Amino acid sequence: MKLETQVTGNIGMYYACYKLSCMGWNVMPTARNARGIDIIAYNKSGTKFIGVQVKSLTKRNPVPLGNSLEKIMGDFWLIINNVGKEPNVFVMFPEEIRNLAHRGEKNGIVSYWLQPTSYDSSNFKEAWHRIGFGHEHQE
């Protein structure tokens, strides 16, 4: 069964919310039609806030980044592939996305992509520790 783009996005976002919640973060998905931050999370005491961008893919595909790297925002990026089966999560910082982005040009139109060989690495795979915990005793 082929998943629709919106369903794929929802699976990835809610999976990320689940994982972050298990780590002790209070998690709020943002408006789904808004560009930018997909999840806002804060710790138990409300002293630390993070913005998370989620990119969901059904397979180990390139991640489309748009026509500019200016829109790469947030504190963390979660690239989640294989959604709908056994999701793989790659935890990255925005500057890593910018540094590893591939620039493509077709018919004079520029687009940026993150290739699977750039994000599918042991440095990023299931590297939830990079985000930290929302529990008081682990901060």
C-alpha atoms as a PDB file:
ATOM      1  CA  MET A   1       0.000   0.000   0.000  1.00  0.00           C
ATOM      2  CA  LYS A   2       1.399   3.392  -1.013  1.00  0.00           C
ATOM      3  CA  LEU A   3       1.045   6.028   1.677  1.00  0.00           C
ATOM      4  CA  GLU A   4      -0.113   9.520   0.741  1.00  0.00           C
ATOM      5  CA  THR A   5       2.365  12.336   1.385  1.00  0.00           C
ATOM      6  CA  GLN A   6       0.264  13.839   4.181  1.00  0.00           C
ATOM      7  CA  VAL A   7      -0.133  10.463   5.910  1.00  0.00           C
ATOM      8  CA  THR A   8       3.622   9.825   5.615  1.00  0.00           C
ATOM      9  CA  GLY A   9       4.266  13.227   7.210  1.00  0.00           C
ATOM     10  CA  ASN A  10       1.815  12.536  10.026  1.00  0.00           C
ATOM     11  CA  ILE A  11       3.340   9.141  10.801  1.00  0.00           C
ATOM     12  CA  GLY A  12       6.812  10.663  11.062  1.00  0.00           C
ATOM     13  CA  MET A  13       5.689  13.621  13.140  1.00  0.00           C
ATOM     14  CA  TYR A  14       3.659  11.570  15.627  1.00  0.00           C
ATOM     15  CA  TYR A  15       6.399   8.948  15.873  1.00  0.00           C
ATOM     16  CA  ALA A  16       8.859  11.753  16.712  1.00  0.00           C
ATOM     17  CA  CYS A  17       6.382  13.125  19.296  1.00  0.00           C
ATOM     18  CA  TYR A  18       6.100   9.667  20.863  1.00  0.00           C
ATOM     19  CA  LYS A  19       9.883   9.198  21.071  1.00  0.00           C
ATOM     20  CA  LEU A  20      10.464  12.692  22.502  1.00  0.00           C
ATOM     21  CA  SER A  21       7.648  12.188  25.028  1.00  0.00           C
ATOM     22  CA  CYS A  22       9.274   8.940  26.187  1.00  0.00           C
ATOM     23  CA  MET A  23      12.428  11.000  26.833  1.00  0.00           C
ATOM     24  CA  GLY A  24      10.518  13.309  29.185  1.00  0.00           C
ATOM     25  CA  TRP A  25       9.793  16.219  26.842  1.00  0.00           C
ATOM     26  CA  ASN A  26       6.390  17.938  26.774  1.00  0.00           C
ATOM     27  CA  VAL A  27       5.643  17.913  23.057  1.00  0.00           C
ATOM     28  CA  MET A  28       3.347  20.026  20.871  1.00  0.00           C
ATOM     29  CA  PRO A  29       3.004  19.530  17.122  1.00  0.00           C
ATOM     30  CA  THR A  30       2.575  22.830  15.271  1.00  0.00           C
ATOM     31  CA  ALA A  31       0.035  23.637  12.547  1.00  0.00           C
ATOM     32  CA  ARG A  32       0.602  21.058   9.807  1.00  0.00           C
ATOM     33  CA  ASN A  33       0.291  23.503   6.910  1.00  0.00           C
ATOM     34  CA  ALA A  34       2.877  25.906   8.355  1.00  0.00           C
ATOM     35  CA  ARG A  35       6.417  25.922   7.011  1.00  0.00           C
ATOM     36  CA  GLY A  36       9.225  25.584   9.483  1.00  0.00           C
ATOM     37  CA  ILE A  37       9.160  24.036  12.912  1.00  0.00           C
ATOM     38  CA  ASP A  38       7.012  20.891  13.162  1.00  0.00           C
ATOM     39  CA  ILE A  39       7.326  20.205  16.898  1.00  0.00           C
ATOM     40  CA  ILE A  40       7.919  22.436  19.890  1.00  0.00           C
ATOM     41  CA  ALA A  41       9.083  20.615  23.005  1.00  0.00           C
ATOM     42  CA  TYR A  42       9.926  21.832  26.474  1.00  0.00           C
ATOM     43  CA  ASN A  43      11.328  20.246  29.597  1.00  0.00           C
ATOM     44  CA  LYS A  44       9.343  19.504  32.743  1.00  0.00           C
ATOM     45  CA  SER A  45      10.225  22.791  34.431  1.00  0.00           C
ATOM     46  CA  GLY A  46       9.658  24.881  31.288  1.00  0.00           C
ATOM     47  CA  THR A  47      13.243  26.167  31.349  1.00  0.00           C
ATOM     48  CA  LYS A  48      14.386  24.628  28.058  1.00  0.00           C
ATOM     49  CA  PHE A  49      12.551  24.777  24.736  1.00  0.00           C
ATOM     50  CA  ILE A  50      13.512  23.096  21.463  1.00  0.00           C
ATOM     51  CA  GLY A  51      12.161  23.404  17.941  1.00  0.00           C
ATOM     52  CA  VAL A  52      12.228  20.263  15.817  1.00  0.00           C
ATOM     53  CA  GLN A  53      11.859  19.898  12.069  1.00  0.00           C
ATOM     54  CA  VAL A  54      10.675  16.458  10.897  1.00  0.00           C
ATOM     55  CA  LYS A  55      11.170  15.040   7.398  1.00  0.00           C
ATOM     56  CA  SER A  56       9.290  11.787   6.781  1.00  0.00           C
ATOM     57  CA  LEU A  57      10.026   9.353   3.976  1.00  0.00           C
ATOM     58  CA  THR A  58       8.577   5.964   3.085  1.00  0.00           C
ATOM     59  CA  LYS A  59      11.955   4.692   1.839  1.00  0.00           C
ATOM     60  CA  ARG A  60      15.665   5.495   2.050  1.00  0.00           C
ATOM     61  CA  ASN A  61      15.232   8.418  -0.342  1.00  0.00           C
ATOM     62  CA  PRO A  62      16.834  11.843  -0.679  1.00  0.00           C
ATOM     63  CA  VAL A  63      15.275  14.546   1.525  1.00  0.00           C
ATOM     64  CA  PRO A  64      13.968  17.536  -0.453  1.00  0.00           C
ATOM     65  CA  LEU A  65      15.172  20.804   1.123  1.00  0.00           C
ATOM     66  CA  GLY A  66      13.614  23.289  -1.302  1.00  0.00           C
ATOM     67  CA  ASN A  67      15.188  25.990  -3.433  1.00  0.00           C
ATOM     68  CA  SER A  68      17.156  27.635  -0.616  1.00  0.00           C
ATOM     69  CA  LEU A  69      19.040  26.611   2.502  1.00  0.00           C
ATOM     70  CA  GLU A  70      17.780  29.781   4.242  1.00  0.00           C
ATOM     71  CA  LYS A  71      14.617  27.992   5.407  1.00  0.00           C
ATOM     72  CA  ILE A  72      16.521  25.406   7.427  1.00  0.00           C
ATOM     73  CA  MET A  73      15.516  26.288  10.973  1.00  0.00           C
ATOM     74  CA  GLY A  74      14.988  24.765  14.370  1.00  0.00           C
ATOM     75  CA  ASP A  75      17.312  23.246  16.920  1.00  0.00           C
ATOM     76  CA  PHE A  76      17.134  19.689  15.579  1.00  0.00           C
ATOM     77  CA  TRP A  77      16.147  17.876  12.415  1.00  0.00           C
ATOM     78  CA  LEU A  78      14.699  14.384  12.508  1.00  0.00           C
ATOM     79  CA  ILE A  79      14.804  12.519   9.229  1.00  0.00           C
ATOM     80  CA  ILE A  80      12.579   9.500   9.547  1.00  0.00           C
ATOM     81  CA  ASN A  81      12.565   6.959   6.766  1.00  0.00           C
ATOM     82  CA  ASN A  82      10.781   3.640   6.396  1.00  0.00           C
ATOM     83  CA  VAL A  83       7.689   5.141   8.042  1.00  0.00           C
ATOM     84  CA  GLY A  84       4.755   2.775   7.990  1.00  0.00           C
ATOM     85  CA  LYS A  85       7.036  -0.180   8.741  1.00  0.00           C
ATOM     86  CA  GLU A  86      10.047   0.024  11.082  1.00  0.00           C
ATOM     87  CA  PRO A  87      11.013   3.708  11.197  1.00  0.00           C
ATOM     88  CA  ASN A  88      14.673   4.741  11.227  1.00  0.00           C
ATOM     89  CA  VAL A  89      15.388   8.116  12.784  1.00  0.00           C
ATOM     90  CA  PHE A  90      18.414  10.256  11.984  1.00  0.00           C
ATOM     91  CA  VAL A  91      19.011  13.088  14.475  1.00  0.00           C
ATOM     92  CA  MET A  92      20.842  16.062  12.984  1.00  0.00           C
ATOM     93  CA  PHE A  93      21.619  19.707  13.674  1.00  0.00           C
ATOM     94  CA  PRO A  94      20.517  22.339  11.100  1.00  0.00           C
ATOM     95  CA  GLU A  95      24.136  23.259  10.333  1.00  0.00           C
ATOM     96  CA  GLU A  96      24.821  19.605   9.452  1.00  0.00           C
ATOM     97  CA  ILE A  97      21.892  19.697   7.020  1.00  0.00           C
ATOM     98  CA  ARG A  98      23.273  22.875   5.412  1.00  0.00           C
ATOM     99  CA  ASN A  99      26.828  21.479   5.225  1.00  0.00           C
ATOM    100  CA  LEU A 100      25.769  18.135   3.732  1.00  0.00           C
ATOM    101  CA  ALA A 101      23.115  19.468   1.339  1.00  0.00           C
ATOM    102  CA  HIS A 102      23.497  18.620  -2.338  1.00  0.00           C
ATOM    103  CA  ARG A 103      22.771  21.419  -4.810  1.00  0.00           C
ATOM    104  CA  GLY A 104      20.964  20.386  -7.952  1.00  0.00           C
ATOM    105  CA  GLU A 105      20.076  22.424 -11.000  1.00  0.00           C
ATOM    106  CA  LYS A 106      17.633  21.431 -13.704  1.00  0.00           C
ATOM    107  CA  ASN A 107      16.396  23.763 -16.460  1.00  0.00           C
ATOM    108  CA  GLY A 108      17.858  26.717 -14.566  1.00  0.00           C
ATOM    109  CA  ILE A 109      15.966  25.861 -11.369  1.00  0.00           C
ATOM    110  CA  VAL A 110      18.069  25.268  -8.256  1.00  0.00           C
ATOM    111  CA  SER A 111      17.014  22.757  -5.612  1.00  0.00           C
ATOM    112  CA  TYR A 112      18.713  21.324  -2.555  1.00  0.00           C
ATOM    113  CA  TRP A 113      18.609  17.721  -1.387  1.00  0.00           C
ATOM    114  CA  LEU A 114      20.089  15.661   1.391  1.00  0.00           C
ATOM    115  CA  GLN A 115      21.258  12.381  -0.089  1.00  0.00           C
ATOM    116  CA  PRO A 116      20.758   9.125   1.868  1.00  0.00           C
ATOM    117  CA  THR A 117      24.526   8.624   1.959  1.00  0.00           C
ATOM    118  CA  SER A 118      24.783  11.966   3.815  1.00  0.00           C
ATOM    119  CA  TYR A 119      22.179  11.343   6.526  1.00  0.00           C
ATOM    120  CA  ASP A 120      22.200   7.536   6.837  1.00  0.00           C
ATOM    121  CA  SER A 121      25.230   7.349   9.090  1.00  0.00           C
ATOM    122  CA  SER A 122      25.980   5.819  12.477  1.00  0.00           C
ATOM    123  CA  ASN A 123      26.681   9.371  13.742  1.00  0.00           C
ATOM    124  CA  PHE A 124      23.027  10.298  13.233  1.00  0.00           C
ATOM    125  CA  LYS A 125      21.058   7.026  13.303  1.00  0.00           C
ATOM    126  CA  GLU A 126      18.877   6.796  16.436  1.00  0.00           C
ATOM    127  CA  ALA A 127      21.178   9.431  18.020  1.00  0.00           C
ATOM    128  CA  TRP A 128      18.468  10.688  20.394  1.00  0.00           C
ATOM    129  CA  HIS A 129      21.156  11.502  22.992  1.00  0.00           C
ATOM    130  CA  ARG A 130      22.055  14.507  20.817  1.00  0.00           C
ATOM    131  CA  ILE A 131      18.766  16.119  21.853  1.00  0.00           C
ATOM    132  CA  GLY A 132      19.066  15.396  25.558  1.00  0.00           C
ATOM    133  CA  PHE A 133      16.359  14.518  28.015  1.00  0.00           C
ATOM    134  CA  GLY A 134      13.428  16.526  29.278  1.00  0.00           C
ATOM    135  CA  HIS A 135      13.736  14.952  32.757  1.00  0.00           C
ATOM    136  CA  GLU A 136      15.102  17.210  35.494  1.00  0.00           C
ATOM    137  CA  HIS A 137      17.644  14.754  36.870  1.00  0.00           C
ATOM    138  CA  GLN A 138      19.253  14.163  33.470  1.00  0.00           C
ATOM    139  CA  GLU A 139      19.798  17.778  32.400  1.00  0.00           C
END
